[in-house]
């Protein structure tokens, strides 16, 4: 049986695979999102700390099996969207986050000098 490819949905046997693009803050903090499935939109919770290319499984949301009943699954592949341009404020916040994650304290930053 031939199935016409769809621009939103990929198919692997009875399973459906889609990609969902999210921002860094959304994947770092976690967020509830709406995902388009072959049966319509479904809300899912993307947990805090989700890594790029994580596959979230929606059990039984795939293609109906011809024999034996049941359905395949729907997998949502999480992509992290990195902005090409940032505002001055966003840059300041990202630099502050970078310093925080490096473990550098504000006193250490103030005392850095030539000697």
Protein backbone atom coordinates (compact mmCIF):
# COMPACT_ATOMS: atom_id res chain seq x y z
CA UNK A 1 0.00 0.00 0.00
CA UNK A 2 1.42 3.39 -1.00
CA UNK A 3 0.95 6.37 1.30
CA UNK A 4 1.43 9.92 0.11
CA UNK A 5 4.15 11.68 2.16
CA UNK A 6 3.00 14.53 4.39
CA UNK A 7 5.01 17.69 5.13
CA UNK A 8 4.12 17.59 8.87
CA UNK A 9 4.20 13.88 9.61
CA UNK A 10 6.91 11.32 9.00
CA UNK A 11 6.01 7.65 9.05
CA UNK A 12 8.03 4.66 10.19
CA UNK A 13 5.84 1.57 9.86
CA UNK A 14 2.82 2.18 12.10
CA UNK A 15 4.59 4.98 13.99
CA UNK A 16 4.36 8.69 13.25
CA UNK A 17 7.34 11.02 13.83
CA UNK A 18 7.14 14.80 14.02
CA UNK A 19 9.54 17.53 15.11
CA UNK A 20 8.72 20.29 17.58
CA UNK A 21 10.95 23.36 17.75
CA UNK A 22 11.28 24.99 21.18
CA UNK A 23 13.36 27.80 22.66
CA UNK A 24 16.23 27.20 25.09
CA UNK A 25 14.29 28.71 28.04
CA UNK A 26 11.28 26.48 27.28
CA UNK A 27 13.30 23.24 27.24
CA UNK A 28 15.41 24.31 30.24
CA UNK A 29 12.39 25.22 32.38
CA UNK A 30 9.85 22.77 30.92
CA UNK A 31 6.60 23.71 29.22
CA UNK A 32 3.23 22.35 28.18
CA UNK A 33 2.88 22.43 24.40
CA UNK A 34 0.28 21.49 21.83
CA UNK A 35 1.36 18.85 19.31
CA UNK A 36 -0.47 18.16 16.08
CA UNK A 37 -1.26 14.45 15.68
CA UNK A 38 -3.14 12.62 12.93
CA UNK A 39 -6.21 12.81 15.21
CA UNK A 40 -5.83 16.53 15.97
CA UNK A 41 -3.93 18.54 18.58
CA UNK A 42 -2.79 16.97 21.87
CA UNK A 43 -1.25 18.77 24.84
CA UNK A 44 1.94 17.29 26.27
CA UNK A 45 4.32 18.35 29.02
CA UNK A 46 7.95 18.73 27.98
CA UNK A 47 9.94 18.19 31.21
CA UNK A 48 12.50 20.72 32.46
CA UNK A 49 15.99 19.89 31.23
CA UNK A 50 14.84 18.13 28.06
CA UNK A 51 17.82 17.68 25.75
CA UNK A 52 17.85 18.37 21.99
CA UNK A 53 16.66 15.45 19.85
CA UNK A 54 14.80 13.83 22.76
CA UNK A 55 11.93 11.69 21.49
CA UNK A 56 8.70 11.92 23.48
CA UNK A 57 6.36 8.96 22.89
CA UNK A 58 2.61 9.36 22.57
CA UNK A 59 1.44 5.79 22.95
CA UNK A 60 -1.32 4.63 20.60
CA UNK A 61 -1.41 7.89 18.61
CA UNK A 62 0.07 6.46 15.40
CA UNK A 63 -1.39 4.64 12.41
CA UNK A 64 -4.09 1.98 12.86
CA UNK A 65 -2.79 -1.54 12.34
CA UNK A 66 -4.43 -3.41 9.49
CA UNK A 67 -4.30 -6.76 11.28
CA UNK A 68 -4.48 -7.41 14.99
CA UNK A 69 -6.00 -4.09 15.98
CA UNK A 70 -4.34 -1.34 17.94
CA UNK A 71 -2.24 1.51 16.71
CA UNK A 72 1.36 2.54 16.40
CA UNK A 73 2.83 5.39 18.43
CA UNK A 74 3.49 9.05 17.71
CA UNK A 75 7.01 10.28 18.52
CA UNK A 76 7.75 13.98 18.99
CA UNK A 77 11.40 14.88 18.40
CA UNK A 78 12.35 18.01 20.37
CA UNK A 79 14.50 20.52 18.50
CA UNK A 80 16.04 23.55 20.22
CA UNK A 81 15.76 26.78 18.24
CA UNK A 82 18.78 29.07 18.68
CA UNK A 83 18.05 32.66 17.66
CA UNK A 84 20.26 34.14 14.93
CA UNK A 85 19.94 37.61 16.42
CA UNK A 86 19.42 38.68 20.03
CA UNK A 87 18.46 42.01 21.52
CA UNK A 88 20.82 43.95 23.75
CA UNK A 89 18.80 42.86 26.81
CA UNK A 90 18.80 39.21 25.74
CA UNK A 91 22.59 39.37 25.27
CA UNK A 92 23.01 40.80 28.78
CA UNK A 93 20.86 38.03 30.24
CA UNK A 94 22.73 35.32 28.32
CA UNK A 95 26.09 36.72 29.47
CA UNK A 96 24.85 36.77 33.08
CA UNK A 97 23.71 33.14 32.71
CA UNK A 98 27.05 32.19 31.18
CA UNK A 99 28.91 33.72 34.13
CA UNK A 100 26.57 32.02 36.60
CA UNK A 101 27.12 28.63 34.98
CA UNK A 102 30.89 29.07 34.93
CA UNK A 103 30.82 29.38 38.74
CA UNK A 104 32.44 32.80 38.70
CA UNK A 105 31.20 34.98 41.59
CA UNK A 106 30.60 38.72 41.25
CA UNK A 107 33.54 39.40 43.64
CA UNK A 108 35.87 37.34 41.43
CA UNK A 109 34.76 39.31 38.38
CA UNK A 110 35.37 42.64 40.13
CA UNK A 111 38.86 41.63 41.32
CA UNK A 112 40.14 40.46 37.96
CA UNK A 113 42.88 42.63 36.65
CA UNK A 114 46.32 42.52 35.13
CA UNK A 115 48.11 41.52 38.37
